[in-house]
Protein backbone atom coordinates (compact mmCIF):
# COMPACT_ATOMS: atom_id res chain seq x y z
CA UNK A 1 102.28 -87.05 37.39
CA UNK A 2 101.55 -84.57 40.55
CA UNK A 3 98.96 -86.04 41.65
CA UNK A 4 96.34 -89.47 41.02
CA UNK A 5 92.90 -89.86 41.12
CA UNK A 6 92.48 -92.53 42.93
CA UNK A 7 88.75 -93.64 41.75
CA UNK A 8 88.31 -91.77 38.27
CA UNK A 9 89.67 -91.63 34.80
CA UNK A 10 92.96 -89.55 35.82
CA UNK A 11 94.67 -92.28 37.94
CA UNK A 12 98.07 -92.54 36.64
CA UNK A 13 99.00 -94.30 33.24
CA UNK A 14 95.32 -94.02 32.85
CA UNK A 15 95.45 -89.67 32.05
CA UNK A 16 96.48 -90.09 28.59
CA UNK A 17 93.74 -91.84 27.72
CA UNK A 18 91.19 -89.59 29.10
CA UNK A 19 92.85 -87.01 26.27
CA UNK A 20 93.76 -88.95 23.12
CA UNK A 21 91.41 -88.54 20.30
CA UNK A 22 94.07 -87.60 17.50
CA UNK A 23 97.48 -88.73 18.73
CA UNK A 24 99.72 -90.08 15.73
CA UNK A 25 99.12 -93.88 14.76
CA UNK A 26 95.46 -93.30 16.12
CA UNK A 27 93.06 -95.43 14.15
CA UNK A 28 89.48 -94.09 12.83
CA UNK A 29 88.50 -97.74 14.62
CA UNK A 30 90.56 -96.62 17.68
CA UNK A 31 88.18 -93.32 18.13
CA UNK A 32 85.33 -94.50 18.95
CA UNK A 33 86.34 -97.62 20.86
CA UNK A 34 88.19 -95.84 23.88
CA UNK A 35 86.18 -94.90 26.53
CA UNK A 36 84.45 -91.74 26.58
CA UNK A 37 85.79 -88.37 28.31
CA UNK A 38 83.99 -84.82 28.60
CA UNK A 39 86.54 -82.12 27.53
CA UNK A 40 85.77 -78.87 29.23
CA UNK A 41 87.65 -75.14 28.53
CA UNK A 42 86.02 -73.17 32.09
CA UNK A 43 87.42 -70.10 34.14
CA UNK A 44 87.94 -70.40 37.28
CA UNK A 45 87.02 -68.13 40.08
CA UNK A 46 90.61 -66.17 39.76
CA UNK A 47 89.01 -65.62 36.07
CA UNK A 48 91.91 -67.88 34.96
CA UNK A 49 91.09 -70.51 31.85
CA UNK A 50 92.07 -73.97 31.72
CA UNK A 51 91.03 -77.57 29.69
CA UNK A 52 89.86 -79.86 32.15
CA UNK A 53 88.36 -83.55 32.44
CA UNK A 54 84.97 -83.97 33.90
CA UNK A 55 83.93 -86.75 36.12
CA UNK A 56 80.21 -86.97 38.00
CA UNK A 57 80.19 -83.29 38.62
CA UNK A 58 83.78 -82.49 39.35
CA UNK A 59 86.54 -80.81 36.72
CA UNK A 60 90.25 -82.46 36.93
CA UNK A 61 92.23 -79.31 35.62
CA UNK A 62 94.89 -79.83 32.46
CA UNK A 63 98.01 -78.68 32.25
CA UNK A 64 98.33 -78.33 28.53
CA UNK A 65 96.55 -76.17 25.61
CA UNK A 66 94.10 -77.71 23.41
CA UNK A 67 96.40 -79.05 20.82
CA UNK A 68 98.66 -81.02 23.76
CA UNK A 69 95.24 -82.71 24.91
CA UNK A 70 94.01 -83.91 21.55
CA UNK A 71 98.07 -85.12 21.25
CA UNK A 72 97.36 -87.39 24.42
CA UNK A 73 100.34 -85.43 25.62
CA UNK A 74 98.12 -83.57 28.59
CA UNK A 75 99.24 -84.20 32.31
CA UNK A 76 97.25 -83.37 35.77
CA UNK A 77 97.62 -80.52 37.46
CA UNK A 78 95.92 -81.25 40.74
CA UNK A 79 93.61 -79.04 40.86
CA UNK A 80 89.80 -80.39 41.22
CA UNK A 81 87.45 -77.45 40.44
CA UNK A 82 83.59 -78.23 40.99
CA UNK A 83 81.67 -78.34 37.42
CA UNK A 84 78.60 -76.02 39.37
CA UNK A 85 81.58 -73.59 40.26
CA UNK A 86 82.85 -73.39 37.11
CA UNK A 87 81.84 -70.86 34.24
CA UNK A 88 81.87 -73.10 31.11
CA UNK A 89 83.52 -71.37 28.33
CA UNK A 90 82.66 -72.45 24.60
CA UNK A 91 85.42 -75.61 24.23
CA UNK A 92 87.37 -74.96 21.48
CA UNK A 93 89.03 -71.56 20.11
CA UNK A 94 88.94 -72.85 16.79
CA UNK A 95 90.44 -70.86 13.40
CA UNK A 96 87.44 -71.64 11.70
CA UNK A 97 84.08 -72.85 12.10
CA UNK A 98 83.15 -75.11 9.08
CA UNK A 99 79.51 -75.60 8.10
CA UNK A 100 78.10 -77.70 6.20
CA UNK A 101 74.25 -77.42 4.61
CA UNK A 102 71.52 -79.44 3.34
CA UNK A 103 73.05 -82.79 4.86
CA UNK A 104 69.70 -83.64 6.43
CA UNK A 105 66.86 -84.26 3.23
CA UNK A 106 64.05 -83.02 5.08
CA UNK A 107 65.72 -79.76 6.43
CA UNK A 108 66.84 -78.85 2.93
CA UNK A 109 63.58 -79.41 1.26
CA UNK A 110 62.08 -76.99 4.42
CA UNK A 111 64.01 -74.50 3.47
CA UNK A 112 64.28 -74.60 -0.36
CA UNK A 113 66.91 -76.68 -0.96
CA UNK A 114 67.91 -79.91 -1.88
CA UNK A 115 69.96 -82.97 -0.22
CA UNK A 116 73.29 -83.29 -2.36
CA UNK A 117 74.06 -86.73 -2.32
CA UNK A 118 77.67 -85.95 -4.35
CA UNK A 119 78.89 -82.59 -1.79
CA UNK A 120 77.51 -80.78 0.80
CA UNK A 121 76.61 -77.23 0.85
CA UNK A 122 79.35 -75.21 2.55
CA UNK A 123 79.82 -71.94 4.81
CA UNK A 124 81.70 -70.31 6.97
CA UNK A 125 80.91 -68.89 10.70
CA UNK A 126 82.88 -66.16 12.29
CA UNK A 127 84.62 -67.09 15.23
CA UNK A 128 82.74 -63.80 17.02
CA UNK A 129 79.32 -66.29 16.83
CA UNK A 130 80.30 -68.40 18.90
CA UNK A 131 78.92 -68.34 22.14
CA UNK A 132 78.93 -70.84 25.25
CA UNK A 133 76.35 -72.65 27.35
CA UNK A 134 73.89 -70.76 28.79
CA UNK A 135 75.00 -67.47 27.41
CA UNK A 136 72.44 -65.24 24.94
CA UNK A 137 71.88 -65.25 21.56
CA UNK A 138 71.41 -61.91 20.62
CA UNK A 139 68.92 -60.87 18.10
CA UNK A 140 70.08 -57.81 15.41
CA UNK A 141 67.68 -54.93 14.79
CA UNK A 142 64.62 -55.59 13.22
CA UNK A 143 65.84 -53.20 9.92
CA UNK A 144 68.69 -56.18 9.69
CA UNK A 145 66.53 -59.04 10.07
CA UNK A 146 62.90 -60.21 11.01
CA UNK A 147 62.85 -63.65 10.95
CA UNK A 148 65.67 -65.81 13.19
CA UNK A 149 65.72 -69.32 13.46
CA UNK A 150 67.18 -72.23 15.16
CA UNK A 151 69.28 -75.39 13.84
CA UNK A 152 70.03 -77.90 15.83
CA UNK A 153 73.33 -80.21 15.40
CA UNK A 154 76.32 -81.94 16.40
CA UNK A 155 79.98 -80.83 15.43
CA UNK A 156 83.06 -82.13 15.28
CA UNK A 157 86.32 -80.81 16.89
CA UNK A 158 89.42 -81.72 14.63
CA UNK A 159 92.89 -82.71 16.68
CA UNK A 160 95.20 -82.68 14.13
CA UNK A 161 96.27 -80.74 11.00
CA UNK A 162 95.37 -82.43 8.12
CA UNK A 163 94.62 -81.69 4.07
CA UNK A 164 94.19 -83.65 1.35
CA UNK A 165 92.77 -86.44 3.94
CA UNK A 166 91.96 -89.71 2.42
CA UNK A 167 88.39 -90.96 3.45
CA UNK A 168 89.68 -93.82 5.18
CA UNK A 169 91.69 -92.23 7.53
CA UNK A 170 89.32 -89.17 8.26
CA UNK A 171 87.62 -90.36 11.48
CA UNK A 172 91.62 -90.43 12.74
CA UNK A 173 91.44 -86.72 12.73
CA UNK A 174 88.77 -85.80 14.87
CA UNK A 175 89.40 -85.29 18.49
CA UNK A 176 85.66 -85.34 19.36
CA UNK A 177 81.98 -84.25 19.30
CA UNK A 178 79.81 -81.18 21.24
CA UNK A 179 76.29 -79.55 20.40
CA UNK A 180 75.89 -76.41 18.16
CA UNK A 181 72.89 -74.53 17.21
CA UNK A 182 73.70 -72.84 13.68
CA UNK A 183 70.94 -70.09 14.49
CA UNK A 184 70.31 -68.59 10.78
CA UNK A 185 68.84 -65.06 9.43
CA UNK A 186 66.29 -67.18 7.25
CA UNK A 187 65.31 -64.32 5.24
CA UNK A 188 68.64 -63.10 4.56
CA UNK A 189 69.86 -66.67 3.36
CA UNK A 190 66.98 -66.74 1.21
CA UNK A 191 67.92 -63.39 -0.42
CA UNK A 192 71.92 -63.26 -0.29
CA UNK A 193 73.84 -65.18 -2.88
CA UNK A 194 75.39 -66.85 -0.08
CA UNK A 195 74.90 -67.37 3.92
CA UNK A 196 78.00 -64.99 4.95
CA UNK A 197 75.41 -62.72 6.22
CA UNK A 198 72.51 -64.14 7.46
CA UNK A 199 74.69 -66.91 9.66
CA UNK A 200 77.65 -64.87 10.78
CA UNK A 201 76.07 -62.04 13.05
CA UNK A 202 77.41 -61.98 16.76
CA UNK A 203 75.82 -65.04 19.18
CA UNK A 204 74.63 -66.67 16.18
CA UNK A 205 77.28 -69.70 16.97
CA UNK A 206 76.06 -71.25 20.39
CA UNK A 207 78.49 -74.35 20.86
CA UNK A 208 79.14 -76.90 23.66
CA UNK A 209 79.21 -77.36 26.83
CA UNK A 210 82.11 -80.01 26.35
CA UNK A 211 83.37 -81.89 23.92
CA UNK A 212 83.32 -85.73 24.15
CA UNK A 213 85.79 -88.44 23.03
CA UNK A 214 85.27 -91.93 22.28
CA UNK A 215 81.66 -91.85 20.29
CA UNK A 216 80.21 -93.42 17.37
CA UNK A 217 78.64 -90.16 16.08
CA UNK A 218 76.73 -92.37 13.07
CA UNK A 219 73.58 -92.44 14.87
CA UNK A 220 73.30 -89.67 17.58
CA UNK A 221 69.76 -88.43 18.18
CA UNK A 222 69.28 -85.03 18.09
CA UNK A 223 66.31 -83.01 19.84
CA UNK A 224 65.61 -79.25 19.86
CA UNK A 225 63.60 -77.84 22.04
CA UNK A 226 61.82 -74.26 22.11
CA UNK A 227 60.54 -73.04 25.64
CA UNK A 228 60.35 -76.83 26.62
CA UNK A 229 58.79 -78.18 23.24
CA UNK A 230 60.27 -80.15 21.12
CA UNK A 231 60.70 -78.54 17.52
CA UNK A 232 63.63 -81.04 15.93
CA UNK A 233 63.92 -84.68 16.04
CA UNK A 234 66.75 -85.79 13.99
CA UNK A 235 69.57 -88.26 13.90
CA UNK A 236 72.83 -88.33 12.60
CA UNK A 237 71.82 -92.08 10.66
CA UNK A 238 69.43 -89.79 8.17
CA UNK A 239 72.55 -87.78 6.91
CA UNK A 240 72.76 -87.85 3.22
CA UNK A 241 76.58 -87.85 3.30
CA UNK A 242 79.00 -89.43 5.63
CA UNK A 243 80.99 -87.62 7.75
CA UNK A 244 84.02 -89.43 6.81
CA UNK A 245 83.56 -88.20 3.23
CA UNK A 246 82.78 -84.36 4.40
CA UNK A 247 85.98 -84.01 6.38
CA UNK A 248 87.81 -85.46 3.31
CA UNK A 249 86.31 -83.65 1.07
CA UNK A 250 86.64 -80.17 3.18
CA UNK A 251 90.36 -80.73 3.62
CA UNK A 252 90.76 -80.54 -0.12
CA UNK A 253 89.53 -77.09 0.09
CA UNK A 254 91.28 -75.87 3.15
CA UNK A 255 94.09 -77.32 5.86
CA UNK A 256 92.24 -78.40 9.17
CA UNK A 257 93.98 -77.16 12.39
CA UNK A 258 93.66 -78.62 15.73
CA UNK A 259 90.46 -76.67 17.53
CA UNK A 260 88.47 -76.23 14.11
CA UNK A 261 84.99 -77.10 14.17
CA UNK A 262 82.95 -78.60 11.18
CA UNK A 263 79.57 -78.44 12.01
CA UNK A 264 77.44 -81.65 10.26
CA UNK A 265 73.84 -79.89 9.43
CA UNK A 266 70.56 -79.60 10.87
CA UNK A 267 67.46 -82.29 10.79
CA UNK A 268 64.13 -80.84 10.02
CA UNK A 269 61.97 -78.35 12.04
CA UNK A 270 64.28 -75.14 12.10
CA UNK A 271 61.63 -72.72 13.23
CA UNK A 272 61.94 -68.99 14.33
CA UNK A 273 62.69 -67.31 17.80
CA UNK A 274 61.31 -64.50 19.99
CA UNK A 275 63.11 -62.60 22.82
CA UNK A 276 62.49 -64.34 25.86
CA UNK A 277 62.61 -67.57 24.52
CA UNK A 278 64.88 -70.70 25.71
CA UNK A 279 66.12 -72.87 23.35
CA UNK A 280 68.01 -76.50 24.25
CA UNK A 281 70.09 -78.70 21.72
CA UNK A 282 70.29 -82.08 23.07
CA UNK A 283 72.59 -84.56 21.31
CA UNK A 284 72.62 -87.88 22.50
CA UNK A 285 75.58 -89.27 24.49
CA UNK A 286 77.11 -85.42 24.51
CA UNK A 287 75.01 -83.29 26.80
CA UNK A 288 72.57 -80.14 26.59
CA UNK A 289 73.28 -77.25 25.10
CA UNK A 290 70.84 -74.05 26.69
CA UNK A 291 70.76 -70.56 25.65
CA UNK A 292 68.68 -67.78 26.06
CA UNK A 293 67.34 -65.61 23.40
CA UNK A 294 67.01 -61.93 23.75
């Protein structure tokens, strides 16, 4: 250990516990019983990119890449940065962004779909769609789409590689949870046979501001505001399919890798955005994700 923080989570033997979410042998129960930690990816004043653990208003820099942090082998580098002085980046760099659609009955109904009690609607977003907290959602030209809507969601981040994951072990593959806005060109998803175009524009995937470990994902309130007005107010307890089921189901289709993002679907209340708007998605026990629309 290069440095100890005498009051915080990074003191001596507690460091590894501050990063562990999916180490080998970790059970699903362990993942929701440990103390919650906020893991952030940020850029310092010299332009260098790091991961860190947030305590209060301070970031404690970690000397590791994401896969090592998720495996519980992280170490404190000895550098502290004020949270307000760091540029917050997208929290992970996923190999893929997996989205589950129509997992909330209300949202399925308002967009012309049906909540399926057997399996979800599945689509992918490109990594190029991802933007960080406080960054700008750029509306495409009007000749491409004229109805861009918000969708506030909870997303999980995978911590270890897995395929054909048993449902009863699924939560042990989760590193933590973050906030997601599944920005959607609604006119295109209603006319195209699949969702790639309507969901895949650059900046259509706000995510962050950090990943929170050690929380129970089954009763998280999701509140989305547009220019300060509440437009969505839902809870993960309303999902038609369980989170372990979703992880297990999609792992039968594709291998899940550390850092992959699985967005769990939106509650009802999705609505259009226009240039000049400010949209904030707040998820209980995780934080707020705010983006500007241009």
